[in-house]
Amino acid sequence: MVGIFLDRPAVIPEFAEHAAALVADFGATDDAVLDVVFGHVRPEGRLPFGLPRSMAVVEAHPEELPGGTEDPVFPLGHALDNTSWRPRAVSRQES
């Protein structure tokens, strides 16, 4: 699992490709992120921007055009489908 703080779009295709899970946070506390990771609370939220596939794509995108790049790793508004999410009971031995 990779946890990443995002305050702006980042080029992270290698992380996304090789990580079993990718958790993005936008300034949450460590405790809040860990509550999601360990299944105590439901993950929620949507990406406020797209995550581009490469720096070359970013550099080729015209600066005067708003919006994201073509074929992003994760597009604007991407979110985990958590409709089947259930809290996970954690025993004292696991915590």
C-alpha atoms as a PDB file:
ATOM      1  CA  MET A   1       0.000   0.000   0.000  1.00  0.00           C
ATOM      2  CA  VAL A   2       1.193   3.493  -0.832  1.00  0.00           C
ATOM      3  CA  GLY A   3      -0.089   6.548   1.003  1.00  0.00           C
ATOM      4  CA  ILE A   4       0.473   9.855  -0.769  1.00  0.00           C
ATOM      5  CA  PHE A   5      -0.278  13.443   0.221  1.00  0.00           C
ATOM      6  CA  LEU A   6      -1.589  15.423  -2.733  1.00  0.00           C
ATOM      7  CA  ASP A   7      -1.925  19.187  -2.705  1.00  0.00           C
ATOM      8  CA  ARG A   8      -1.754  19.401  -6.510  1.00  0.00           C
ATOM      9  CA  PRO A   9      -1.703  16.982  -9.456  1.00  0.00           C
ATOM     10  CA  ALA A  10       1.244  14.600  -9.378  1.00  0.00           C
ATOM     11  CA  VAL A  11       2.774  12.230 -11.920  1.00  0.00           C
ATOM     12  CA  ILE A  12       2.582   8.848 -10.150  1.00  0.00           C
ATOM     13  CA  PRO A  13       1.958   6.092 -12.731  1.00  0.00           C
ATOM     14  CA  GLU A  14       4.704   3.857 -11.287  1.00  0.00           C
ATOM     15  CA  PHE A  15       3.143   3.968  -7.816  1.00  0.00           C
ATOM     16  CA  ALA A  16      -0.324   3.273  -9.213  1.00  0.00           C
ATOM     17  CA  GLU A  17       0.951   0.403 -11.353  1.00  0.00           C
ATOM     18  CA  HIS A  18       2.924  -1.415  -8.652  1.00  0.00           C
ATOM     19  CA  ALA A  19       1.035  -0.654  -5.439  1.00  0.00           C
ATOM     20  CA  ALA A  20      -1.526  -3.103  -4.083  1.00  0.00           C
ATOM     21  CA  ALA A  21      -3.449  -0.036  -2.868  1.00  0.00           C
ATOM     22  CA  LEU A  22      -3.023   3.701  -3.306  1.00  0.00           C
ATOM     23  CA  VAL A  23      -4.457   6.034  -0.659  1.00  0.00           C
ATOM     24  CA  ALA A  24      -4.407   9.749  -1.438  1.00  0.00           C
ATOM     25  CA  ASP A  25      -4.920  12.262   1.313  1.00  0.00           C
ATOM     26  CA  PHE A  26      -5.344  15.995   1.054  1.00  0.00           C
ATOM     27  CA  GLY A  27      -4.245  17.057   4.518  1.00  0.00           C
ATOM     28  CA  ALA A  28      -5.997  14.512   6.733  1.00  0.00           C
ATOM     29  CA  THR A  29      -4.450  13.589  10.046  1.00  0.00           C
ATOM     30  CA  ASP A  30      -2.446  10.370  10.322  1.00  0.00           C
ATOM     31  CA  ASP A  31      -5.148   8.938  12.593  1.00  0.00           C
ATOM     32  CA  ALA A  32      -7.860   9.649  10.013  1.00  0.00           C
ATOM     33  CA  VAL A  33      -5.872   7.990   7.212  1.00  0.00           C
ATOM     34  CA  LEU A  34      -5.113   4.965   9.386  1.00  0.00           C
ATOM     35  CA  ASP A  35      -8.807   4.630  10.304  1.00  0.00           C
ATOM     36  CA  VAL A  36      -9.513   4.199   6.583  1.00  0.00           C
ATOM     37  CA  VAL A  37      -6.549   1.872   5.991  1.00  0.00           C
ATOM     38  CA  PHE A  38      -7.559  -0.408   8.869  1.00  0.00           C
ATOM     39  CA  GLY A  39     -11.225  -0.430   7.905  1.00  0.00           C
ATOM     40  CA  HIS A  40     -12.678   1.529  10.827  1.00  0.00           C
ATOM     41  CA  VAL A  41     -14.326   4.170   8.639  1.00  0.00           C
ATOM     42  CA  ARG A  42     -15.657   4.231   5.099  1.00  0.00           C
ATOM     43  CA  PRO A  43     -13.335   5.826   2.540  1.00  0.00           C
ATOM     44  CA  GLU A  44     -14.951   8.761   0.779  1.00  0.00           C
ATOM     45  CA  GLY A  45     -14.128  11.653  -1.474  1.00  0.00           C
ATOM     46  CA  ARG A  46     -13.299  12.298  -5.109  1.00  0.00           C
ATOM     47  CA  LEU A  47     -10.141  13.557  -6.767  1.00  0.00           C
ATOM     48  CA  PRO A  48     -10.342  17.342  -7.218  1.00  0.00           C
ATOM     49  CA  PHE A  49      -8.014  17.046 -10.242  1.00  0.00           C
ATOM     50  CA  GLY A  50      -6.762  14.390 -12.635  1.00  0.00           C
ATOM     51  CA  LEU A  51      -3.433  12.642 -12.155  1.00  0.00           C
ATOM     52  CA  PRO A  52      -1.463  12.746 -15.427  1.00  0.00           C
ATOM     53  CA  ARG A  53       0.232   9.715 -16.939  1.00  0.00           C
ATOM     54  CA  SER A  54       3.619  11.366 -17.561  1.00  0.00           C
ATOM     55  CA  MET A  55       5.521  14.625 -17.335  1.00  0.00           C
ATOM     56  CA  ALA A  56       5.732  14.665 -21.131  1.00  0.00           C
ATOM     57  CA  VAL A  57       1.927  14.768 -21.315  1.00  0.00           C
ATOM     58  CA  VAL A  58       1.878  17.636 -18.800  1.00  0.00           C
ATOM     59  CA  GLU A  59       4.491  19.593 -20.770  1.00  0.00           C
ATOM     60  CA  ALA A  60       2.614  19.041 -24.053  1.00  0.00           C
ATOM     61  CA  HIS A  61      -0.716  20.263 -22.602  1.00  0.00           C
ATOM     62  CA  PRO A  62      -1.335  23.924 -23.571  1.00  0.00           C
ATOM     63  CA  GLU A  63      -1.101  26.136 -20.478  1.00  0.00           C
ATOM     64  CA  GLU A  64      -3.985  28.318 -21.618  1.00  0.00           C
ATOM     65  CA  LEU A  65      -6.405  25.375 -21.742  1.00  0.00           C
ATOM     66  CA  PRO A  66      -8.073  24.517 -18.455  1.00  0.00           C
ATOM     67  CA  GLY A  67      -8.671  20.930 -17.493  1.00  0.00           C
ATOM     68  CA  GLY A  68      -6.620  17.822 -17.271  1.00  0.00           C
ATOM     69  CA  THR A  69      -4.441  15.919 -19.650  1.00  0.00           C
ATOM     70  CA  GLU A  70      -5.443  13.161 -22.044  1.00  0.00           C
ATOM     71  CA  ASP A  71      -5.552   9.586 -20.718  1.00  0.00           C
ATOM     72  CA  PRO A  72      -4.830  10.337 -17.042  1.00  0.00           C
ATOM     73  CA  VAL A  73      -3.900   7.580 -14.601  1.00  0.00           C
ATOM     74  CA  PHE A  74      -6.861   8.766 -12.503  1.00  0.00           C
ATOM     75  CA  PRO A  75      -9.284  11.326 -13.979  1.00  0.00           C
ATOM     76  CA  LEU A  76     -10.878  14.317 -12.254  1.00  0.00           C
ATOM     77  CA  GLY A  77     -13.552  13.027  -9.882  1.00  0.00           C
ATOM     78  CA  HIS A  78     -12.149   9.504  -9.604  1.00  0.00           C
ATOM     79  CA  ALA A  79     -13.250   7.704  -6.448  1.00  0.00           C
ATOM     80  CA  LEU A  80     -13.180   4.270  -4.922  1.00  0.00           C
ATOM     81  CA  ASP A  81     -16.372   2.306  -5.462  1.00  0.00           C
ATOM     82  CA  ASN A  82     -17.106   1.614  -1.839  1.00  0.00           C
ATOM     83  CA  THR A  83     -20.698   0.372  -2.145  1.00  0.00           C
ATOM     84  CA  SER A  84     -19.680  -3.032  -0.796  1.00  0.00           C
ATOM     85  CA  TRP A  85     -17.419  -1.636   1.936  1.00  0.00           C
ATOM     86  CA  ARG A  86     -17.911  -3.076   5.422  1.00  0.00           C
ATOM     87  CA  PRO A  87     -16.106  -2.123   8.623  1.00  0.00           C
ATOM     88  CA  ARG A  88     -13.464  -4.599   9.674  1.00  0.00           C
ATOM     89  CA  ALA A  89     -13.424  -5.881  13.218  1.00  0.00           C
ATOM     90  CA  VAL A  90      -9.948  -5.549  14.687  1.00  0.00           C
ATOM     91  CA  SER A  91      -8.881  -7.712  17.611  1.00  0.00           C
ATOM     92  CA  ARG A  92      -6.519  -6.410  20.272  1.00  0.00           C
ATOM     93  CA  GLN A  93      -3.763  -8.638  18.851  1.00  0.00           C
ATOM     94  CA  GLU A  94      -3.992  -6.946  15.421  1.00  0.00           C
ATOM     95  CA  SER A  95      -3.967  -3.360  16.662  1.00  0.00           C
END
